[in-house]
All heavy atoms as atom14 arrays in JSON, in Angstrom:
{
  "sequence": "NFRYWIPLWQTRDWFTPAGFRYHIWGWSIFSIGVMGMVLR",
  "atom14_mask": [
    [1, 1, 1, 1, 1, 1, 1, 1, 0, 0, 0, 0, 0, 0],
    [1, 1, 1, 1, 1, 1, 1, 1, 1, 1, 1, 0, 0, 0],
    [1, 1, 1, 1, 1, 1, 1, 1, 1, 1, 1, 0, 0, 0],
    [1, 1, 1, 1, 1, 1, 1, 1, 1, 1, 1, 1, 0, 0],
    [1, 1, 1, 1, 1, 1, 1, 1, 1, 1, 1, 1, 1, 1],
    [1, 1, 1, 1, 1, 1, 1, 1, 0, 0, 0, 0, 0, 0],
    [1, 1, 1, 1, 1, 1, 1, 0, 0, 0, 0, 0, 0, 0],
    [1, 1, 1, 1, 1, 1, 1, 1, 0, 0, 0, 0, 0, 0],
    [1, 1, 1, 1, 1, 1, 1, 1, 1, 1, 1, 1, 1, 1],
    [1, 1, 1, 1, 1, 1, 1, 1, 1, 0, 0, 0, 0, 0],
    [1, 1, 1, 1, 1, 1, 1, 0, 0, 0, 0, 0, 0, 0],
    [1, 1, 1, 1, 1, 1, 1, 1, 1, 1, 1, 0, 0, 0],
    [1, 1, 1, 1, 1, 1, 1, 1, 0, 0, 0, 0, 0, 0],
    [1, 1, 1, 1, 1, 1, 1, 1, 1, 1, 1, 1, 1, 1],
    [1, 1, 1, 1, 1, 1, 1, 1, 1, 1, 1, 0, 0, 0],
    [1, 1, 1, 1, 1, 1, 1, 0, 0, 0, 0, 0, 0, 0],
    [1, 1, 1, 1, 1, 1, 1, 0, 0, 0, 0, 0, 0, 0],
    [1, 1, 1, 1, 1, 0, 0, 0, 0, 0, 0, 0, 0, 0],
    [1, 1, 1, 1, 0, 0, 0, 0, 0, 0, 0, 0, 0, 0],
    [1, 1, 1, 1, 1, 1, 1, 1, 1, 1, 1, 0, 0, 0],
    [1, 1, 1, 1, 1, 1, 1, 1, 1, 1, 1, 0, 0, 0],
    [1, 1, 1, 1, 1, 1, 1, 1, 1, 1, 1, 1, 0, 0],
    [1, 1, 1, 1, 1, 1, 1, 1, 1, 1, 0, 0, 0, 0],
    [1, 1, 1, 1, 1, 1, 1, 1, 0, 0, 0, 0, 0, 0],
    [1, 1, 1, 1, 1, 1, 1, 1, 1, 1, 1, 1, 1, 1],
    [1, 1, 1, 1, 0, 0, 0, 0, 0, 0, 0, 0, 0, 0],
    [1, 1, 1, 1, 1, 1, 1, 1, 1, 1, 1, 1, 1, 1],
    [1, 1, 1, 1, 1, 1, 0, 0, 0, 0, 0, 0, 0, 0],
    [1, 1, 1, 1, 1, 1, 1, 1, 0, 0, 0, 0, 0, 0],
    [1, 1, 1, 1, 1, 1, 1, 1, 1, 1, 1, 0, 0, 0],
    [1, 1, 1, 1, 1, 1, 0, 0, 0, 0, 0, 0, 0, 0],
    [1, 1, 1, 1, 1, 1, 1, 1, 0, 0, 0, 0, 0, 0],
    [1, 1, 1, 1, 0, 0, 0, 0, 0, 0, 0, 0, 0, 0],
    [1, 1, 1, 1, 1, 1, 1, 0, 0, 0, 0, 0, 0, 0],
    [1, 1, 1, 1, 1, 1, 1, 1, 0, 0, 0, 0, 0, 0],
    [1, 1, 1, 1, 0, 0, 0, 0, 0, 0, 0, 0, 0, 0],
    [1, 1, 1, 1, 1, 1, 1, 1, 0, 0, 0, 0, 0, 0],
    [1, 1, 1, 1, 1, 1, 1, 0, 0, 0, 0, 0, 0, 0],
    [1, 1, 1, 1, 1, 1, 1, 1, 0, 0, 0, 0, 0, 0],
    [1, 1, 1, 1, 1, 1, 1, 1, 1, 1, 1, 0, 0, 0]
  ],
  "atom14_positions": [
    [[10.51, -6.57, 11.62], [11.66, -7.22, 11.04], [11.51, -7.21, 9.52], [10.61, -7.84, 8.97], [11.77, -8.65, 11.55], [13.06, -9.32, 11.15], [13.76, -8.84, 10.27], [13.37, -10.43, 11.8], [0.0, 0.0, 0.0], [0.0, 0.0, 0.0], [0.0, 0.0, 0.0], [0.0, 0.0, 0.0], [0.0, 0.0, 0.0], [0.0, 0.0, 0.0]],
    [[12.38, -6.51, 8.81], [12.22, -6.33, 7.37], [12.38, -7.62, 6.59], [12.0, -7.69, 5.43], [13.18, -5.27, 6.85], [14.63, -5.67, 6.9], [15.22, -6.3, 5.84], [15.38, -5.38, 8.03], [16.54, -6.67, 5.89], [16.7, -5.74, 8.08], [17.3, -6.39, 7.01], [0.0, 0.0, 0.0], [0.0, 0.0, 0.0], [0.0, 0.0, 0.0]],
    [[12.92, -8.69, 7.2], [13.03, -9.97, 6.51], [11.66, -10.55, 6.17], [11.52, -11.31, 5.23], [13.78, -10.96, 7.39], [15.16, -11.27, 6.9], [15.75, -12.38, 7.68], [15.68, -12.08, 9.12], [16.11, -12.88, 10.06], [16.62, -14.04, 9.74], [16.04, -12.54, 11.32], [0.0, 0.0, 0.0], [0.0, 0.0, 0.0], [0.0, 0.0, 0.0]],
    [[10.66, -10.22, 6.96], [9.32, -10.78, 6.77], [8.39, -9.85, 5.99], [7.23, -10.16, 5.83], [8.71, -11.12, 8.12], [9.52, -12.14, 8.87], [10.21, -11.78, 10.02], [9.63, -13.44, 8.41], [10.97, -12.72, 10.7], [10.4, -14.38, 9.08], [11.07, -14.01, 10.22], [11.83, -14.92, 10.88], [0.0, 0.0, 0.0], [0.0, 0.0, 0.0]],
    [[8.88, -8.71, 5.56], [8.06, -7.81, 4.76], [7.92, -8.36, 3.35], [8.86, -8.88, 2.78], [8.67, -6.42, 4.71], [8.66, -5.69, 6.01], [8.13, -6.12, 7.19], [9.21, -4.42, 6.26], [8.32, -5.18, 8.15], [8.98, -4.12, 7.62], [9.87, -3.49, 5.49], [9.38, -2.94, 8.2], [10.27, -2.31, 6.07], [10.02, -2.04, 7.41]],
    [[6.73, -8.24, 2.8], [6.5, -8.68, 1.43], [5.85, -7.54, 0.65], [5.24, -6.64, 1.26], [5.64, -9.96, 1.37], [4.26, -9.71, 1.96], [6.31, -11.11, 2.05], [3.31, -10.89, 1.79], [0.0, 0.0, 0.0], [0.0, 0.0, 0.0], [0.0, 0.0, 0.0], [0.0, 0.0, 0.0], [0.0, 0.0, 0.0], [0.0, 0.0, 0.0]],
    [[5.96, -7.54, -0.67], [5.35, -6.48, -1.47], [3.83, -6.46, -1.31], [3.21, -7.49, -1.02], [5.74, -6.82, -2.9], [6.91, -7.73, -2.78], [6.76, -8.45, -1.48], [0.0, 0.0, 0.0], [0.0, 0.0, 0.0], [0.0, 0.0, 0.0], [0.0, 0.0, 0.0], [0.0, 0.0, 0.0], [0.0, 0.0, 0.0], [0.0, 0.0, 0.0]],
    [[3.23, -5.3, -1.54], [1.78, -5.15, -1.37], [0.99, -6.1, -2.26], [-0.04, -6.61, -1.86], [1.37, -3.71, -1.67], [1.65, -2.68, -0.6], [1.23, -1.31, -1.09], [0.94, -3.02, 0.68], [0.0, 0.0, 0.0], [0.0, 0.0, 0.0], [0.0, 0.0, 0.0], [0.0, 0.0, 0.0], [0.0, 0.0, 0.0], [0.0, 0.0, 0.0]],
    [[1.46, -6.32, -3.49], [0.69, -7.15, -4.42], [0.69, -8.62, -4.03], [-0.08, -9.39, -4.57], [1.19, -6.97, -5.85], [2.64, -7.26, -6.01], [3.2, -8.47, -6.25], [3.7, -6.33, -5.93], [4.56, -8.36, -6.34], [4.91, -7.04, -6.14], [3.79, -4.96, -5.71], [6.15, -6.43, -6.12], [5.03, -4.35, -5.7], [6.18, -5.08, -5.91]],
    [[1.53, -9.03, -3.09], [1.53, -10.42, -2.64], [0.66, -10.62, -1.39], [0.63, -11.7, -0.84], [2.95, -10.89, -2.37], [3.79, -10.99, -3.61], [5.19, -11.48, -3.31], [5.57, -11.65, -2.17], [5.95, -11.68, -4.36], [0.0, 0.0, 0.0], [0.0, 0.0, 0.0], [0.0, 0.0, 0.0], [0.0, 0.0, 0.0], [0.0, 0.0, 0.0]],
    [[-0.05, -9.59, -0.98], [-0.91, -9.69, 0.2], [-2.37, -9.89, -0.18], [-3.25, -9.69, 0.65], [-0.78, -8.43, 1.08], [-1.19, -7.29, 0.33], [0.63, -8.24, 1.57], [0.0, 0.0, 0.0], [0.0, 0.0, 0.0], [0.0, 0.0, 0.0], [0.0, 0.0, 0.0], [0.0, 0.0, 0.0], [0.0, 0.0, 0.0], [0.0, 0.0, 0.0]],
    [[-2.62, -10.28, -1.41], [-4.0, -10.4, -1.9], [-4.82, -11.38, -1.06], [-6.01, -11.15, -0.82], [-4.0, -10.85, -3.36], [-5.38, -10.94, -3.96], [-5.32, -11.33, -5.42], [-4.7, -10.33, -6.24], [-5.38, -9.36, -6.87], [-6.68, -9.29, -6.74], [-4.76, -8.49, -7.61], [0.0, 0.0, 0.0], [0.0, 0.0, 0.0], [0.0, 0.0, 0.0]],
    [[-4.22, -12.47, -0.6], [-4.99, -13.46, 0.16], [-5.23, -13.03, 1.61], [-5.94, -13.7, 2.34], [-4.29, -14.82, 0.12], [-2.9, -14.78, 0.72], [-2.3, -13.7, 0.73], [-2.43, -15.84, 1.17], [0.0, 0.0, 0.0], [0.0, 0.0, 0.0], [0.0, 0.0, 0.0], [0.0, 0.0, 0.0], [0.0, 0.0, 0.0], [0.0, 0.0, 0.0]],
    [[-4.67, -11.92, 2.02], [-4.89, -11.42, 3.38], [-6.2, -10.64, 3.51], [-6.69, -10.41, 4.61], [-3.77, -10.51, 3.81], [-2.46, -11.19, 4.04], [-2.18, -12.51, 3.9], [-1.26, -10.57, 4.46], [-0.86, -12.75, 4.2], [-0.28, -11.58, 4.54], [-0.9, -9.27, 4.76], [1.03, -11.31, 4.93], [0.39, -9.0, 5.15], [1.34, -10.02, 5.23]],
    [[-6.74, -10.19, 2.38], [-7.92, -9.31, 2.39], [-9.02, -9.87, 1.51], [-8.76, -10.67, 0.61], [-7.55, -7.91, 1.88], [-6.52, -7.2, 2.69], [-5.19, -7.21, 2.33], [-6.88, -6.52, 3.84], [-4.24, -6.57, 3.08], [-5.93, -5.86, 4.6], [-4.6, -5.88, 4.21], [0.0, 0.0, 0.0], [0.0, 0.0, 0.0], [0.0, 0.0, 0.0]],
    [[-10.23, -9.41, 1.75], [-11.31, -9.67, 0.82], [-11.02, -8.86, -0.44], [-10.15, -7.98, -0.42], [-12.66, -9.23, 1.43], [-12.62, -7.82, 1.66], [-12.96, -9.96, 2.72], [0.0, 0.0, 0.0], [0.0, 0.0, 0.0], [0.0, 0.0, 0.0], [0.0, 0.0, 0.0], [0.0, 0.0, 0.0], [0.0, 0.0, 0.0], [0.0, 0.0, 0.0]],
    [[-11.7, -9.13, -1.56], [-11.41, -8.35, -2.77], [-11.57, -6.84, -2.57], [-10.74, -6.06, -3.03], [-12.42, -8.89, -3.79], [-12.64, -10.3, -3.35], [-12.59, -10.26, -1.84], [0.0, 0.0, 0.0], [0.0, 0.0, 0.0], [0.0, 0.0, 0.0], [0.0, 0.0, 0.0], [0.0, 0.0, 0.0], [0.0, 0.0, 0.0], [0.0, 0.0, 0.0]],
    [[-12.62, -6.42, -1.88], [-12.8, -4.99, -1.62], [-11.72, -4.46, -0.68], [-11.19, -3.36, -0.87], [-14.18, -4.72, -1.03], [0.0, 0.0, 0.0], [0.0, 0.0, 0.0], [0.0, 0.0, 0.0], [0.0, 0.0, 0.0], [0.0, 0.0, 0.0], [0.0, 0.0, 0.0], [0.0, 0.0, 0.0], [0.0, 0.0, 0.0], [0.0, 0.0, 0.0]],
    [[-11.38, -5.24, 0.32], [-10.34, -4.82, 1.26], [-8.99, -4.68, 0.58], [-8.22, -3.77, 0.9], [0.0, 0.0, 0.0], [0.0, 0.0, 0.0], [0.0, 0.0, 0.0], [0.0, 0.0, 0.0], [0.0, 0.0, 0.0], [0.0, 0.0, 0.0], [0.0, 0.0, 0.0], [0.0, 0.0, 0.0], [0.0, 0.0, 0.0], [0.0, 0.0, 0.0]],
    [[-8.69, -5.57, -0.37], [-7.42, -5.47, -1.09], [-7.37, -4.21, -1.93], [-6.35, -3.52, -1.99], [-7.21, -6.71, -1.96], [-5.9, -6.72, -2.66], [-4.72, -6.92, -1.95], [-5.83, -6.54, -4.04], [-3.49, -6.93, -2.6], [-4.62, -6.55, -4.68], [-3.45, -6.74, -3.97], [0.0, 0.0, 0.0], [0.0, 0.0, 0.0], [0.0, 0.0, 0.0]],
    [[-8.49, -3.87, -2.58], [-8.53, -2.63, -3.36], [-8.35, -1.42, -2.45], [-7.61, -0.5, -2.79], [-9.85, -2.54, -4.12], [-9.9, -3.4, -5.35], [-11.06, -3.05, -6.25], [-12.35, -3.15, -5.57], [-13.08, -4.26, -5.51], [-12.66, -5.35, -6.08], [-14.23, -4.26, -4.88], [0.0, 0.0, 0.0], [0.0, 0.0, 0.0], [0.0, 0.0, 0.0]],
    [[-9.03, -1.4, -1.31], [-8.84, -0.3, -0.36], [-7.38, -0.21, 0.09], [-6.83, 0.88, 0.21], [-9.72, -0.49, 0.88], [-11.18, -0.18, 0.68], [-12.15, -0.97, 1.27], [-11.59, 0.91, -0.07], [-13.5, -0.71, 1.1], [-12.93, 1.18, -0.24], [-13.88, 0.38, 0.35], [-15.2, 0.65, 0.18], [0.0, 0.0, 0.0], [0.0, 0.0, 0.0]],
    [[-6.77, -1.36, 0.33], [-5.4, -1.4, 0.81], [-4.44, -0.82, -0.25], [-3.6, 0.04, 0.06], [-5.03, -2.84, 1.15], [-3.78, -3.0, 1.93], [-3.63, -2.57, 3.21], [-2.58, -3.54, 1.59], [-2.42, -2.84, 3.64], [-1.76, -3.43, 2.67], [0.0, 0.0, 0.0], [0.0, 0.0, 0.0], [0.0, 0.0, 0.0], [0.0, 0.0, 0.0]],
    [[-4.57, -1.27, -1.49], [-3.7, -0.79, -2.56], [-3.94, 0.69, -2.84], [-3.0, 1.48, -2.95], [-3.9, -1.64, -3.84], [-3.42, -3.06, -3.61], [-3.2, -1.01, -5.03], [-1.93, -3.2, -3.41], [0.0, 0.0, 0.0], [0.0, 0.0, 0.0], [0.0, 0.0, 0.0], [0.0, 0.0, 0.0], [0.0, 0.0, 0.0], [0.0, 0.0, 0.0]],
    [[-5.2, 1.07, -2.97], [-5.5, 2.48, -3.24], [-5.07, 3.37, -2.08], [-4.58, 4.48, -2.3], [-6.99, 2.68, -3.53], [-7.34, 2.39, -4.94], [-7.98, 1.29, -5.41], [-7.04, 3.2, -6.07], [-8.1, 1.36, -6.77], [-7.54, 2.52, -7.21], [-6.41, 4.42, -6.24], [-7.42, 3.06, -8.49], [-6.29, 4.93, -7.53], [-6.79, 4.26, -8.63]],
    [[-5.26, 2.91, -0.87], [-4.87, 3.71, 0.29], [-3.38, 3.99, 0.33], [-2.96, 5.14, 0.5], [0.0, 0.0, 0.0], [0.0, 0.0, 0.0], [0.0, 0.0, 0.0], [0.0, 0.0, 0.0], [0.0, 0.0, 0.0], [0.0, 0.0, 0.0], [0.0, 0.0, 0.0], [0.0, 0.0, 0.0], [0.0, 0.0, 0.0], [0.0, 0.0, 0.0]],
    [[-2.56, 2.94, 0.15], [-1.12, 3.16, 0.16], [-0.66, 3.96, -1.04], [0.29, 4.74, -0.95], [-0.37, 1.84, 0.25], [-0.37, 1.29, 1.63], [-0.87, 0.09, 2.02], [0.15, 1.9, 2.82], [-0.71, -0.07, 3.38], [-0.08, 1.02, 3.89], [0.77, 3.11, 3.08], [0.29, 1.31, 5.2], [1.14, 3.41, 4.39], [0.9, 2.51, 5.43]],
    [[-1.33, 3.81, -2.17], [-0.96, 4.59, -3.36], [-1.25, 6.07, -3.15], [-0.4, 6.93, -3.44], [-1.73, 4.09, -4.59], [-1.42, 2.75, -4.84], [0.0, 0.0, 0.0], [0.0, 0.0, 0.0], [0.0, 0.0, 0.0], [0.0, 0.0, 0.0], [0.0, 0.0, 0.0], [0.0, 0.0, 0.0], [0.0, 0.0, 0.0], [0.0, 0.0, 0.0]],
    [[-2.43, 6.39, -2.64], [-2.79, 7.78, -2.4], [-1.9, 8.39, -1.32], [-1.44, 9.53, -1.44], [-4.28, 7.89, -2.03], [-5.13, 7.53, -3.25], [-4.63, 9.27, -1.53], [-6.61, 7.39, -2.95], [0.0, 0.0, 0.0], [0.0, 0.0, 0.0], [0.0, 0.0, 0.0], [0.0, 0.0, 0.0], [0.0, 0.0, 0.0], [0.0, 0.0, 0.0]],
    [[-1.62, 7.63, -0.27], [-0.73, 8.12, 0.78], [0.67, 8.39, 0.22], [1.29, 9.41, 0.53], [-0.66, 7.11, 1.93], [0.25, 7.54, 3.04], [-0.16, 8.48, 3.96], [1.53, 7.01, 3.15], [0.68, 8.89, 4.99], [2.37, 7.4, 4.17], [1.95, 8.34, 5.09], [0.0, 0.0, 0.0], [0.0, 0.0, 0.0], [0.0, 0.0, 0.0]],
    [[1.16, 7.5, -0.64], [2.49, 7.69, -1.24], [2.54, 8.93, -2.12], [3.54, 9.65, -2.13], [2.88, 6.46, -2.05], [2.94, 5.33, -1.22], [0.0, 0.0, 0.0], [0.0, 0.0, 0.0], [0.0, 0.0, 0.0], [0.0, 0.0, 0.0], [0.0, 0.0, 0.0], [0.0, 0.0, 0.0], [0.0, 0.0, 0.0], [0.0, 0.0, 0.0]],
    [[1.48, 9.18, -2.87], [1.42, 10.39, -3.69], [1.47, 11.62, -2.8], [2.15, 12.61, -3.1], [0.16, 10.38, -4.58], [0.29, 9.31, -5.65], [-0.08, 11.75, -5.21], [-0.99, 9.05, -6.41], [0.0, 0.0, 0.0], [0.0, 0.0, 0.0], [0.0, 0.0, 0.0], [0.0, 0.0, 0.0], [0.0, 0.0, 0.0], [0.0, 0.0, 0.0]],
    [[0.76, 11.58, -1.67], [0.8, 12.69, -0.73], [2.19, 12.91, -0.14], [2.65, 14.04, -0.01], [0.0, 0.0, 0.0], [0.0, 0.0, 0.0], [0.0, 0.0, 0.0], [0.0, 0.0, 0.0], [0.0, 0.0, 0.0], [0.0, 0.0, 0.0], [0.0, 0.0, 0.0], [0.0, 0.0, 0.0], [0.0, 0.0, 0.0], [0.0, 0.0, 0.0]],
    [[2.87, 11.83, 0.19], [4.22, 11.94, 0.74], [5.17, 12.52, -0.31], [5.98, 13.4, -0.01], [4.72, 10.58, 1.25], [6.21, 10.61, 1.54], [3.95, 10.18, 2.49], [0.0, 0.0, 0.0], [0.0, 0.0, 0.0], [0.0, 0.0, 0.0], [0.0, 0.0, 0.0], [0.0, 0.0, 0.0], [0.0, 0.0, 0.0], [0.0, 0.0, 0.0]],
    [[5.06, 12.03, -1.55], [5.92, 12.57, -2.61], [5.63, 14.04, -2.85], [6.55, 14.84, -3.08], [5.73, 11.77, -3.9], [6.36, 10.4, -3.85], [6.3, 9.52, -5.41], [4.56, 9.1, -5.51], [0.0, 0.0, 0.0], [0.0, 0.0, 0.0], [0.0, 0.0, 0.0], [0.0, 0.0, 0.0], [0.0, 0.0, 0.0], [0.0, 0.0, 0.0]],
    [[4.36, 14.42, -2.78], [4.01, 15.83, -2.93], [4.59, 16.68, -1.81], [5.06, 17.8, -2.05], [0.0, 0.0, 0.0], [0.0, 0.0, 0.0], [0.0, 0.0, 0.0], [0.0, 0.0, 0.0], [0.0, 0.0, 0.0], [0.0, 0.0, 0.0], [0.0, 0.0, 0.0], [0.0, 0.0, 0.0], [0.0, 0.0, 0.0], [0.0, 0.0, 0.0]],
    [[4.56, 16.16, -0.59], [5.13, 16.9, 0.54], [6.65, 17.05, 0.38], [7.19, 18.12, 0.63], [4.8, 16.19, 1.85], [5.19, 16.96, 3.09], [4.25, 18.48, 3.32], [2.69, 17.86, 3.87], [0.0, 0.0, 0.0], [0.0, 0.0, 0.0], [0.0, 0.0, 0.0], [0.0, 0.0, 0.0], [0.0, 0.0, 0.0], [0.0, 0.0, 0.0]],
    [[7.31, 15.99, -0.05], [8.77, 16.05, -0.25], [9.1, 17.06, -1.34], [9.98, 17.9, -1.19], [9.32, 14.65, -0.57], [10.74, 14.73, -1.09], [9.24, 13.76, 0.65], [0.0, 0.0, 0.0], [0.0, 0.0, 0.0], [0.0, 0.0, 0.0], [0.0, 0.0, 0.0], [0.0, 0.0, 0.0], [0.0, 0.0, 0.0], [0.0, 0.0, 0.0]],
    [[8.38, 16.99, -2.47], [8.63, 17.94, -3.55], [8.3, 19.36, -3.14], [8.99, 20.3, -3.55], [7.82, 17.55, -4.79], [8.28, 16.28, -5.51], [7.31, 15.94, -6.63], [9.68, 16.47, -6.05], [0.0, 0.0, 0.0], [0.0, 0.0, 0.0], [0.0, 0.0, 0.0], [0.0, 0.0, 0.0], [0.0, 0.0, 0.0], [0.0, 0.0, 0.0]],
    [[7.29, 19.51, -2.34], [6.89, 20.85, -1.88], [7.99, 21.5, -1.06], [8.27, 22.68, -1.18], [5.6, 20.72, -1.07], [5.27, 21.81, -0.13], [4.69, 23.01, -0.82], [4.31, 24.01, 0.14], [5.13, 24.91, 0.66], [6.39, 24.91, 0.34], [4.69, 25.81, 1.51], [0.0, 0.0, 0.0], [0.0, 0.0, 0.0], [0.0, 0.0, 0.0]]
  ]
}
């Protein structure tokens, strides 16, 4: 349900500090890959 979706930067309290970094970096790298595939 998209009403309950929140931005990634507001999920900091859901993860440990290392887990939050993995989460942000993971979605960022995945997004770059998706944009590269679309542009390709």
